[in-house]
Structures are given as structure tokens and as C-alpha cells.
Amino acid sequence: MVKGKATVRIERKVSKRRYLDGKHTYTYERFYVPIPKQFHDKIEPFLNKKLKVEVKPANGGFKIICTPRENVSAPRKHPRKNSPETQP
């Protein structure tokens, strides 16, 4: 294997959830792409962050592009209850 190149297999998992005391079943599938050990140091800064995911076709395959989501909410600044500006 060439350094910096790795081979992975896309894994598919079918899950079944029972509801209404087992009378009905909800079935769904998930796809997983395991990250090879040699890339863990590059992935670590993105752990526990929300990522925007794009999948694009490329050269007979596809690319998965994950970028950190931007915080689009307005900054929330609450005045302190006991600050000197709020005292009469």
C-alpha cells in the first residue's frame, strides 16, 4: 500500500426499532465509512463538532467533503444581574 493511500469498505447497517409494545417495527438503514488509523490525527480536530457533509462524484467514484458548520445564530450577550450599569 502506498503511504497516504488507504482502502476502506462502506458498511451498511439495517436497524429495526420496535414500538407500541412490539406491535409494529420501524426499519431504517445507515451507511458507515470507517476512517483508517493513519488519518486519525487529521480527523481529531473535528471530533464533537457539527460538520456540513457534501458527497460529489469524482473520477468514477465519489468524494465526501466534511467542513465545520458556521454558527449563523446571533451572539447572545446578556447583561449581568449585578453589574454596576444595571444598579439604580
C-alpha atoms as a PDB file:
ATOM      1  CA  MET A   1       0.000   0.000   0.000  1.00  0.00           C
ATOM      2  CA  VAL A   2       1.231   3.476  -0.876  1.00  0.00           C
ATOM      3  CA  LYS A   3       1.768   5.837   2.051  1.00  0.00           C
ATOM      4  CA  GLY A   4      -1.142   8.264   2.383  1.00  0.00           C
ATOM      5  CA  LYS A   5      -3.474   5.949   0.470  1.00  0.00           C
ATOM      6  CA  ALA A   6      -5.874   3.558   2.136  1.00  0.00           C
ATOM      7  CA  THR A   7      -8.649   1.182   1.219  1.00  0.00           C
ATOM      8  CA  VAL A   8     -11.975   1.201   3.036  1.00  0.00           C
ATOM      9  CA  ARG A   9     -15.257  -0.607   2.624  1.00  0.00           C
ATOM     10  CA  ILE A  10     -18.564   1.200   3.012  1.00  0.00           C
ATOM     11  CA  GLU A  11     -20.589  -0.610   5.645  1.00  0.00           C
ATOM     12  CA  ARG A  12     -24.383  -0.805   5.636  1.00  0.00           C
ATOM     13  CA  LYS A  13     -26.334  -1.485   8.803  1.00  0.00           C
ATOM     14  CA  VAL A  14     -30.062  -2.175   8.835  1.00  0.00           C
ATOM     15  CA  SER A  15     -31.672  -1.412  12.182  1.00  0.00           C
ATOM     16  CA  LYS A  16     -35.102  -2.331  13.419  1.00  0.00           C
ATOM     17  CA  ARG A  17     -36.861  -0.490  16.228  1.00  0.00           C
ATOM     18  CA  ARG A  18     -39.992  -1.876  17.766  1.00  0.00           C
ATOM     19  CA  TYR A  19     -42.726   0.391  19.041  1.00  0.00           C
ATOM     20  CA  LEU A  20     -46.233   0.135  20.517  1.00  0.00           C
ATOM     21  CA  ASP A  21     -45.172  -2.755  22.751  1.00  0.00           C
ATOM     22  CA  GLY A  22     -43.732  -4.717  19.829  1.00  0.00           C
ATOM     23  CA  LYS A  23     -46.801  -4.483  17.600  1.00  0.00           C
ATOM     24  CA  HIS A  24     -45.002  -2.539  14.871  1.00  0.00           C
ATOM     25  CA  THR A  25     -41.431  -2.247  13.624  1.00  0.00           C
ATOM     26  CA  TYR A  26     -39.628   0.785  12.195  1.00  0.00           C
ATOM     27  CA  THR A  27     -36.765  -0.216   9.881  1.00  0.00           C
ATOM     28  CA  TYR A  28     -34.017   2.089   8.630  1.00  0.00           C
ATOM     29  CA  GLU A  29     -30.520   1.760   7.222  1.00  0.00           C
ATOM     30  CA  ARG A  30     -27.297   3.634   7.879  1.00  0.00           C
ATOM     31  CA  PHE A  31     -24.069   3.768   5.911  1.00  0.00           C
ATOM     32  CA  TYR A  32     -20.703   3.991   7.655  1.00  0.00           C
ATOM     33  CA  VAL A  33     -17.276   4.863   6.269  1.00  0.00           C
ATOM     34  CA  PRO A  34     -14.569   3.883   8.760  1.00  0.00           C
ATOM     35  CA  ILE A  35     -11.564   6.195   8.937  1.00  0.00           C
ATOM     36  CA  PRO A  36      -8.208   4.349   8.711  1.00  0.00           C
ATOM     37  CA  LYS A  37      -5.810   4.706  11.653  1.00  0.00           C
ATOM     38  CA  GLN A  38      -3.242   6.650   9.624  1.00  0.00           C
ATOM     39  CA  PHE A  39      -5.723   9.548   9.247  1.00  0.00           C
ATOM     40  CA  HIS A  40      -6.863   9.799  12.876  1.00  0.00           C
ATOM     41  CA  ASP A  41      -4.505  12.692  13.628  1.00  0.00           C
ATOM     42  CA  LYS A  42      -6.070  14.704  10.765  1.00  0.00           C
ATOM     43  CA  ILE A  43      -9.627  13.916  11.930  1.00  0.00           C
ATOM     44  CA  GLU A  44      -9.131  14.665  15.637  1.00  0.00           C
ATOM     45  CA  PRO A  45      -9.643  18.489  15.454  1.00  0.00           C
ATOM     46  CA  PHE A  46     -13.142  17.877  14.037  1.00  0.00           C
ATOM     47  CA  LEU A  47     -14.362  15.490  16.737  1.00  0.00           C
ATOM     48  CA  ASN A  48     -17.502  16.562  18.638  1.00  0.00           C
ATOM     49  CA  LYS A  49     -18.196  19.355  16.137  1.00  0.00           C
ATOM     50  CA  LYS A  50     -21.132  19.672  13.783  1.00  0.00           C
ATOM     51  CA  LEU A  51     -19.990  19.159  10.208  1.00  0.00           C
ATOM     52  CA  LYS A  52     -21.554  20.041   6.884  1.00  0.00           C
ATOM     53  CA  VAL A  53     -21.329  16.984   4.601  1.00  0.00           C
ATOM     54  CA  GLU A  54     -21.264  17.001   0.806  1.00  0.00           C
ATOM     55  CA  VAL A  55     -20.942  13.971  -1.484  1.00  0.00           C
ATOM     56  CA  LYS A  56     -19.747  14.644  -5.026  1.00  0.00           C
ATOM     57  CA  PRO A  57     -18.974  12.274  -7.910  1.00  0.00           C
ATOM     58  CA  ALA A  58     -15.304  12.239  -8.908  1.00  0.00           C
ATOM     59  CA  ASN A  59     -13.290  10.065 -11.337  1.00  0.00           C
ATOM     60  CA  GLY A  60     -15.586   7.036 -11.321  1.00  0.00           C
ATOM     61  CA  GLY A  61     -16.015   7.265  -7.528  1.00  0.00           C
ATOM     62  CA  PHE A  62     -17.078   9.925  -5.101  1.00  0.00           C
ATOM     63  CA  LYS A  63     -15.687  12.427  -2.615  1.00  0.00           C
ATOM     64  CA  ILE A  64     -17.079  13.035   0.836  1.00  0.00           C
ATOM     65  CA  ILE A  65     -16.323  16.595   1.927  1.00  0.00           C
ATOM     66  CA  CYS A  66     -16.868  17.490   5.587  1.00  0.00           C
ATOM     67  CA  THR A  67     -16.470  21.096   6.689  1.00  0.00           C
ATOM     68  CA  PRO A  68     -17.266  22.647  10.082  1.00  0.00           C
ATOM     69  CA  ARG A  69     -20.659  24.327  10.193  1.00  0.00           C
ATOM     70  CA  GLU A  70     -20.644  28.069  10.662  1.00  0.00           C
ATOM     71  CA  ASN A  71     -22.530  29.440  13.617  1.00  0.00           C
ATOM     72  CA  VAL A  72     -25.256  31.510  11.977  1.00  0.00           C
ATOM     73  CA  SER A  73     -27.118  32.459  15.145  1.00  0.00           C
ATOM     74  CA  ALA A  74     -26.716  35.945  16.572  1.00  0.00           C
ATOM     75  CA  PRO A  75     -24.323  36.277  19.501  1.00  0.00           C
ATOM     76  CA  ARG A  76     -26.158  36.355  22.777  1.00  0.00           C
ATOM     77  CA  LYS A  77     -24.934  38.911  25.278  1.00  0.00           C
ATOM     78  CA  HIS A  78     -26.946  39.010  28.456  1.00  0.00           C
ATOM     79  CA  PRO A  79     -26.259  41.784  30.975  1.00  0.00           C
ATOM     80  CA  ARG A  80     -25.131  40.508  34.325  1.00  0.00           C
ATOM     81  CA  LYS A  81     -27.778  40.797  37.001  1.00  0.00           C
ATOM     82  CA  ASN A  82     -25.481  42.535  39.477  1.00  0.00           C
ATOM     83  CA  SER A  83     -23.416  44.644  37.114  1.00  0.00           C
ATOM     84  CA  PRO A  84     -22.840  48.331  38.076  1.00  0.00           C
ATOM     85  CA  GLU A  85     -24.677  49.569  34.935  1.00  0.00           C
ATOM     86  CA  THR A  86     -27.952  47.903  35.980  1.00  0.00           C
ATOM     87  CA  GLN A  87     -27.865  49.162  39.610  1.00  0.00           C
ATOM     88  CA  PRO A  88     -30.157  52.222  40.268  1.00  0.00           C
END
